[in-house]
Structure formats: structure tokens, C-alpha cells
All heavy atoms as atom14 arrays in JSON, in Angstrom:
{
  "sequence": "ELFCKWSYGECTDFDFDCIWSKIRECILEAFS",
  "atom14_mask": [
    [1, 1, 1, 1, 1, 1, 1, 1, 1, 0, 0, 0, 0, 0],
    [1, 1, 1, 1, 1, 1, 1, 1, 0, 0, 0, 0, 0, 0],
    [1, 1, 1, 1, 1, 1, 1, 1, 1, 1, 1, 0, 0, 0],
    [1, 1, 1, 1, 1, 1, 0, 0, 0, 0, 0, 0, 0, 0],
    [1, 1, 1, 1, 1, 1, 1, 1, 1, 0, 0, 0, 0, 0],
    [1, 1, 1, 1, 1, 1, 1, 1, 1, 1, 1, 1, 1, 1],
    [1, 1, 1, 1, 1, 1, 0, 0, 0, 0, 0, 0, 0, 0],
    [1, 1, 1, 1, 1, 1, 1, 1, 1, 1, 1, 1, 0, 0],
    [1, 1, 1, 1, 0, 0, 0, 0, 0, 0, 0, 0, 0, 0],
    [1, 1, 1, 1, 1, 1, 1, 1, 1, 0, 0, 0, 0, 0],
    [1, 1, 1, 1, 1, 1, 0, 0, 0, 0, 0, 0, 0, 0],
    [1, 1, 1, 1, 1, 1, 1, 0, 0, 0, 0, 0, 0, 0],
    [1, 1, 1, 1, 1, 1, 1, 1, 0, 0, 0, 0, 0, 0],
    [1, 1, 1, 1, 1, 1, 1, 1, 1, 1, 1, 0, 0, 0],
    [1, 1, 1, 1, 1, 1, 1, 1, 0, 0, 0, 0, 0, 0],
    [1, 1, 1, 1, 1, 1, 1, 1, 1, 1, 1, 0, 0, 0],
    [1, 1, 1, 1, 1, 1, 1, 1, 0, 0, 0, 0, 0, 0],
    [1, 1, 1, 1, 1, 1, 0, 0, 0, 0, 0, 0, 0, 0],
    [1, 1, 1, 1, 1, 1, 1, 1, 0, 0, 0, 0, 0, 0],
    [1, 1, 1, 1, 1, 1, 1, 1, 1, 1, 1, 1, 1, 1],
    [1, 1, 1, 1, 1, 1, 0, 0, 0, 0, 0, 0, 0, 0],
    [1, 1, 1, 1, 1, 1, 1, 1, 1, 0, 0, 0, 0, 0],
    [1, 1, 1, 1, 1, 1, 1, 1, 0, 0, 0, 0, 0, 0],
    [1, 1, 1, 1, 1, 1, 1, 1, 1, 1, 1, 0, 0, 0],
    [1, 1, 1, 1, 1, 1, 1, 1, 1, 0, 0, 0, 0, 0],
    [1, 1, 1, 1, 1, 1, 0, 0, 0, 0, 0, 0, 0, 0],
    [1, 1, 1, 1, 1, 1, 1, 1, 0, 0, 0, 0, 0, 0],
    [1, 1, 1, 1, 1, 1, 1, 1, 0, 0, 0, 0, 0, 0],
    [1, 1, 1, 1, 1, 1, 1, 1, 1, 0, 0, 0, 0, 0],
    [1, 1, 1, 1, 1, 0, 0, 0, 0, 0, 0, 0, 0, 0],
    [1, 1, 1, 1, 1, 1, 1, 1, 1, 1, 1, 0, 0, 0],
    [1, 1, 1, 1, 1, 1, 0, 0, 0, 0, 0, 0, 0, 0]
  ],
  "atom14_positions": [
    [[58.19, 45.19, 96.98], [57.41, 43.96, 97.16], [58.16, 43.09, 98.08], [59.32, 42.7, 97.88], [57.2, 43.2, 95.77], [56.25, 42.12, 95.94], [55.9, 41.54, 94.5], [56.66, 40.66, 94.06], [54.86, 41.95, 93.98], [0.0, 0.0, 0.0], [0.0, 0.0, 0.0], [0.0, 0.0, 0.0], [0.0, 0.0, 0.0], [0.0, 0.0, 0.0]],
    [[57.44, 42.74, 99.21], [58.17, 42.08, 100.33], [57.86, 40.57, 100.41], [56.74, 40.15, 100.19], [57.82, 42.76, 101.65], [58.47, 42.24, 102.92], [58.92, 43.41, 103.79], [57.47, 41.35, 103.69], [0.0, 0.0, 0.0], [0.0, 0.0, 0.0], [0.0, 0.0, 0.0], [0.0, 0.0, 0.0], [0.0, 0.0, 0.0], [0.0, 0.0, 0.0]],
    [[58.94, 39.83, 100.67], [58.84, 38.38, 101.02], [59.44, 38.27, 102.37], [60.54, 38.71, 102.73], [59.68, 37.6, 99.97], [59.79, 36.15, 100.34], [58.89, 35.2, 99.88], [60.84, 35.68, 101.19], [59.07, 33.84, 100.26], [60.96, 34.31, 101.52], [60.08, 33.41, 101.1], [0.0, 0.0, 0.0], [0.0, 0.0, 0.0], [0.0, 0.0, 0.0]],
    [[58.71, 37.51, 103.29], [59.1, 37.4, 104.69], [58.78, 35.93, 105.08], [57.64, 35.51, 104.99], [58.42, 38.4, 105.61], [58.84, 38.31, 107.31], [0.0, 0.0, 0.0], [0.0, 0.0, 0.0], [0.0, 0.0, 0.0], [0.0, 0.0, 0.0], [0.0, 0.0, 0.0], [0.0, 0.0, 0.0], [0.0, 0.0, 0.0], [0.0, 0.0, 0.0]],
    [[59.82, 35.27, 105.64], [59.69, 33.88, 105.95], [60.37, 33.7, 107.36], [61.54, 34.05, 107.55], [60.28, 32.89, 105.0], [60.17, 31.44, 105.31], [60.84, 30.57, 104.19], [60.9, 29.13, 104.59], [61.52, 28.31, 103.46], [0.0, 0.0, 0.0], [0.0, 0.0, 0.0], [0.0, 0.0, 0.0], [0.0, 0.0, 0.0], [0.0, 0.0, 0.0]],
    [[59.62, 32.98, 108.28], [60.28, 32.87, 109.57], [60.14, 31.39, 110.05], [59.35, 30.62, 109.52], [59.67, 33.81, 110.61], [58.16, 33.66, 110.75], [57.43, 32.88, 111.54], [57.2, 34.41, 109.98], [56.09, 32.98, 111.43], [55.85, 33.98, 110.42], [57.24, 35.33, 109.01], [54.73, 34.43, 109.96], [56.03, 35.92, 108.52], [54.77, 35.45, 108.95]],
    [[60.94, 31.03, 111.05], [61.04, 29.7, 111.51], [60.35, 29.56, 112.88], [60.68, 30.39, 113.77], [62.46, 29.16, 111.61], [62.51, 28.01, 112.32], [0.0, 0.0, 0.0], [0.0, 0.0, 0.0], [0.0, 0.0, 0.0], [0.0, 0.0, 0.0], [0.0, 0.0, 0.0], [0.0, 0.0, 0.0], [0.0, 0.0, 0.0], [0.0, 0.0, 0.0]],
    [[59.55, 28.55, 113.09], [58.96, 28.21, 114.38], [59.84, 27.1, 115.07], [59.52, 26.79, 116.25], [57.52, 27.79, 114.29], [56.53, 28.89, 114.0], [55.68, 28.82, 112.94], [56.37, 29.93, 114.85], [54.76, 29.82, 112.62], [55.44, 30.91, 114.64], [54.6, 30.84, 113.49], [53.74, 31.84, 113.26], [0.0, 0.0, 0.0], [0.0, 0.0, 0.0]],
    [[60.61, 26.46, 114.2], [61.31, 25.33, 114.78], [60.41, 24.11, 115.03], [59.46, 23.85, 114.31], [0.0, 0.0, 0.0], [0.0, 0.0, 0.0], [0.0, 0.0, 0.0], [0.0, 0.0, 0.0], [0.0, 0.0, 0.0], [0.0, 0.0, 0.0], [0.0, 0.0, 0.0], [0.0, 0.0, 0.0], [0.0, 0.0, 0.0], [0.0, 0.0, 0.0]],
    [[60.58, 23.37, 116.07], [59.81, 22.23, 116.49], [58.56, 22.52, 117.21], [57.75, 21.69, 117.39], [60.65, 21.28, 117.27], [61.91, 20.76, 116.62], [62.78, 19.86, 117.56], [62.1, 19.12, 118.33], [63.99, 19.96, 117.52], [0.0, 0.0, 0.0], [0.0, 0.0, 0.0], [0.0, 0.0, 0.0], [0.0, 0.0, 0.0], [0.0, 0.0, 0.0]],
    [[58.35, 23.85, 117.56], [57.17, 24.19, 118.28], [55.92, 24.3, 117.32], [55.96, 24.98, 116.3], [57.4, 25.5, 118.93], [58.8, 25.49, 120.11], [0.0, 0.0, 0.0], [0.0, 0.0, 0.0], [0.0, 0.0, 0.0], [0.0, 0.0, 0.0], [0.0, 0.0, 0.0], [0.0, 0.0, 0.0], [0.0, 0.0, 0.0], [0.0, 0.0, 0.0]],
    [[54.86, 23.59, 117.67], [53.68, 23.47, 116.75], [52.44, 23.72, 117.49], [51.33, 23.6, 116.89], [53.64, 22.06, 116.15], [53.53, 21.1, 117.23], [54.87, 21.75, 115.34], [0.0, 0.0, 0.0], [0.0, 0.0, 0.0], [0.0, 0.0, 0.0], [0.0, 0.0, 0.0], [0.0, 0.0, 0.0], [0.0, 0.0, 0.0], [0.0, 0.0, 0.0]],
    [[52.37, 24.26, 118.73], [51.16, 24.47, 119.47], [50.87, 25.86, 119.69], [50.32, 26.31, 120.73], [51.25, 23.69, 120.81], [52.38, 24.12, 121.67], [53.25, 24.86, 121.12], [52.43, 23.78, 122.85], [0.0, 0.0, 0.0], [0.0, 0.0, 0.0], [0.0, 0.0, 0.0], [0.0, 0.0, 0.0], [0.0, 0.0, 0.0], [0.0, 0.0, 0.0]],
    [[51.24, 26.74, 118.72], [50.92, 28.18, 118.85], [49.57, 28.55, 118.22], [48.98, 27.8, 117.55], [52.05, 28.96, 118.06], [53.42, 28.73, 118.6], [54.54, 28.63, 117.74], [53.63, 28.66, 120.0], [55.77, 28.33, 118.19], [55.0, 28.43, 120.44], [55.98, 28.27, 119.56], [0.0, 0.0, 0.0], [0.0, 0.0, 0.0], [0.0, 0.0, 0.0]],
    [[49.2, 29.82, 118.57], [48.01, 30.43, 117.83], [48.56, 31.04, 116.6], [48.99, 32.2, 116.58], [47.4, 31.45, 118.78], [46.11, 32.03, 118.16], [45.98, 31.92, 116.97], [45.27, 32.61, 118.93], [0.0, 0.0, 0.0], [0.0, 0.0, 0.0], [0.0, 0.0, 0.0], [0.0, 0.0, 0.0], [0.0, 0.0, 0.0], [0.0, 0.0, 0.0]],
    [[48.55, 30.27, 115.49], [49.25, 30.68, 114.3], [48.53, 31.86, 113.64], [49.25, 32.77, 113.12], [49.25, 29.5, 113.26], [50.17, 28.3, 113.71], [49.5, 27.11, 113.96], [51.42, 28.46, 113.9], [50.29, 26.05, 114.36], [52.23, 27.44, 114.36], [51.56, 26.24, 114.56], [0.0, 0.0, 0.0], [0.0, 0.0, 0.0], [0.0, 0.0, 0.0]],
    [[47.2, 31.98, 113.74], [46.51, 33.19, 113.19], [46.96, 34.39, 113.91], [47.23, 35.42, 113.29], [45.02, 32.94, 113.38], [44.41, 31.96, 112.28], [45.16, 31.67, 111.29], [43.31, 31.46, 112.57], [0.0, 0.0, 0.0], [0.0, 0.0, 0.0], [0.0, 0.0, 0.0], [0.0, 0.0, 0.0], [0.0, 0.0, 0.0], [0.0, 0.0, 0.0]],
    [[47.01, 34.38, 115.18], [47.4, 35.48, 116.0], [48.86, 35.9, 115.71], [49.17, 37.1, 115.53], [47.2, 35.24, 117.45], [47.65, 36.61, 118.52], [0.0, 0.0, 0.0], [0.0, 0.0, 0.0], [0.0, 0.0, 0.0], [0.0, 0.0, 0.0], [0.0, 0.0, 0.0], [0.0, 0.0, 0.0], [0.0, 0.0, 0.0], [0.0, 0.0, 0.0]],
    [[49.76, 34.98, 115.69], [51.21, 35.3, 115.39], [51.32, 35.85, 114.0], [52.05, 36.89, 113.87], [52.05, 33.98, 115.65], [52.0, 33.61, 117.13], [53.52, 34.25, 115.14], [52.69, 32.29, 117.34], [0.0, 0.0, 0.0], [0.0, 0.0, 0.0], [0.0, 0.0, 0.0], [0.0, 0.0, 0.0], [0.0, 0.0, 0.0], [0.0, 0.0, 0.0]],
    [[50.66, 35.27, 113.03], [50.86, 35.8, 111.59], [50.33, 37.2, 111.56], [51.01, 38.1, 110.99], [50.09, 34.89, 110.66], [50.37, 35.2, 109.3], [51.33, 34.68, 108.49], [49.67, 36.15, 108.42], [51.3, 35.22, 107.21], [50.23, 36.1, 107.11], [48.53, 36.96, 108.61], [49.82, 36.88, 106.1], [48.11, 37.71, 107.5], [48.75, 37.65, 106.26]],
    [[49.18, 37.53, 112.16], [48.66, 38.92, 112.12], [49.59, 39.86, 112.84], [49.8, 41.0, 112.41], [47.26, 38.94, 112.77], [46.37, 38.07, 112.06], [0.0, 0.0, 0.0], [0.0, 0.0, 0.0], [0.0, 0.0, 0.0], [0.0, 0.0, 0.0], [0.0, 0.0, 0.0], [0.0, 0.0, 0.0], [0.0, 0.0, 0.0], [0.0, 0.0, 0.0]],
    [[50.22, 39.4, 114.0], [51.08, 40.24, 114.76], [52.3, 40.56, 113.9], [52.8, 41.72, 113.95], [51.44, 39.55, 116.02], [52.21, 40.48, 117.01], [52.31, 39.79, 118.36], [53.03, 40.72, 119.33], [53.23, 40.07, 120.64], [0.0, 0.0, 0.0], [0.0, 0.0, 0.0], [0.0, 0.0, 0.0], [0.0, 0.0, 0.0], [0.0, 0.0, 0.0]],
    [[52.91, 39.62, 113.25], [54.07, 39.8, 112.44], [53.76, 40.7, 111.29], [54.56, 41.65, 110.98], [54.63, 38.49, 111.89], [55.21, 37.65, 113.07], [55.62, 38.67, 110.83], [55.72, 36.33, 112.67], [0.0, 0.0, 0.0], [0.0, 0.0, 0.0], [0.0, 0.0, 0.0], [0.0, 0.0, 0.0], [0.0, 0.0, 0.0], [0.0, 0.0, 0.0]],
    [[52.61, 40.51, 110.62], [52.18, 41.49, 109.52], [52.07, 42.88, 110.06], [52.56, 43.86, 109.42], [50.83, 41.04, 108.95], [50.47, 41.84, 107.71], [49.17, 41.29, 107.16], [48.8, 41.95, 105.92], [48.2, 43.1, 105.81], [47.93, 43.76, 107.05], [47.94, 43.75, 104.72], [0.0, 0.0, 0.0], [0.0, 0.0, 0.0], [0.0, 0.0, 0.0]],
    [[51.55, 43.12, 111.27], [51.5, 44.44, 111.89], [52.86, 45.01, 112.1], [53.04, 46.23, 111.93], [50.64, 44.33, 113.18], [49.18, 44.11, 112.98], [48.5, 43.89, 114.26], [49.18, 43.95, 115.39], [47.26, 43.55, 114.32], [0.0, 0.0, 0.0], [0.0, 0.0, 0.0], [0.0, 0.0, 0.0], [0.0, 0.0, 0.0], [0.0, 0.0, 0.0]],
    [[53.8, 44.13, 112.54], [55.11, 44.6, 112.82], [55.78, 45.07, 111.49], [56.59, 46.07, 111.46], [56.01, 43.49, 113.42], [55.64, 43.09, 115.08], [0.0, 0.0, 0.0], [0.0, 0.0, 0.0], [0.0, 0.0, 0.0], [0.0, 0.0, 0.0], [0.0, 0.0, 0.0], [0.0, 0.0, 0.0], [0.0, 0.0, 0.0], [0.0, 0.0, 0.0]],
    [[55.53, 44.36, 110.41], [56.07, 44.71, 109.11], [55.61, 46.07, 108.73], [56.43, 46.99, 108.29], [55.68, 43.69, 108.07], [56.47, 42.34, 108.29], [56.05, 44.23, 106.63], [55.98, 41.27, 107.45], [0.0, 0.0, 0.0], [0.0, 0.0, 0.0], [0.0, 0.0, 0.0], [0.0, 0.0, 0.0], [0.0, 0.0, 0.0], [0.0, 0.0, 0.0]],
    [[54.3, 46.32, 108.88], [53.7, 47.65, 108.43], [54.23, 48.73, 109.36], [54.56, 49.88, 108.85], [52.24, 47.53, 108.49], [51.54, 46.47, 107.61], [50.0, 46.53, 107.77], [52.03, 46.62, 106.2], [0.0, 0.0, 0.0], [0.0, 0.0, 0.0], [0.0, 0.0, 0.0], [0.0, 0.0, 0.0], [0.0, 0.0, 0.0], [0.0, 0.0, 0.0]],
    [[54.4, 48.47, 110.67], [54.83, 49.5, 111.62], [56.27, 49.85, 111.31], [56.63, 51.02, 111.28], [54.68, 48.93, 113.04], [55.14, 49.93, 114.1], [55.11, 49.3, 115.53], [54.37, 48.35, 115.68], [55.79, 49.84, 116.42], [0.0, 0.0, 0.0], [0.0, 0.0, 0.0], [0.0, 0.0, 0.0], [0.0, 0.0, 0.0], [0.0, 0.0, 0.0]],
    [[57.08, 48.83, 111.12], [58.49, 49.07, 110.89], [58.75, 49.75, 109.57], [59.63, 50.65, 109.47], [59.36, 47.77, 111.0], [0.0, 0.0, 0.0], [0.0, 0.0, 0.0], [0.0, 0.0, 0.0], [0.0, 0.0, 0.0], [0.0, 0.0, 0.0], [0.0, 0.0, 0.0], [0.0, 0.0, 0.0], [0.0, 0.0, 0.0], [0.0, 0.0, 0.0]],
    [[58.0, 49.47, 108.58], [58.17, 50.04, 107.26], [57.78, 51.53, 107.25], [58.45, 52.38, 106.72], [57.34, 49.35, 106.16], [57.44, 49.87, 104.83], [58.47, 49.46, 103.98], [56.51, 50.82, 104.36], [58.52, 50.03, 102.68], [56.58, 51.37, 103.07], [57.64, 50.9, 102.3], [0.0, 0.0, 0.0], [0.0, 0.0, 0.0], [0.0, 0.0, 0.0]],
    [[56.64, 51.84, 107.95], [56.1, 53.18, 107.79], [56.48, 54.14, 108.87], [56.58, 55.38, 108.65], [54.59, 53.08, 107.72], [54.05, 52.4, 108.89], [0.0, 0.0, 0.0], [0.0, 0.0, 0.0], [0.0, 0.0, 0.0], [0.0, 0.0, 0.0], [0.0, 0.0, 0.0], [0.0, 0.0, 0.0], [0.0, 0.0, 0.0], [0.0, 0.0, 0.0]]
  ]
}
């Protein structure tokens, strides 16, 4: 069971939905 937390720092003008989905895809790719 995985817990993953990352820092964006002071940057707040990102496409958060896109980044979150991309990180989730990275987790699945790296695991499998």
C-alpha cells in the first residue's frame, strides 16, 4: 500500500490535474 507526497514549493500556477495523473502513471509504470 503506497503513500506518495511531493513538493511544488512556491509554484502555484501548474495544471495540477495533469501533473497528478502523470505522477500516478509514473508510479504504476515504475512498479510494474
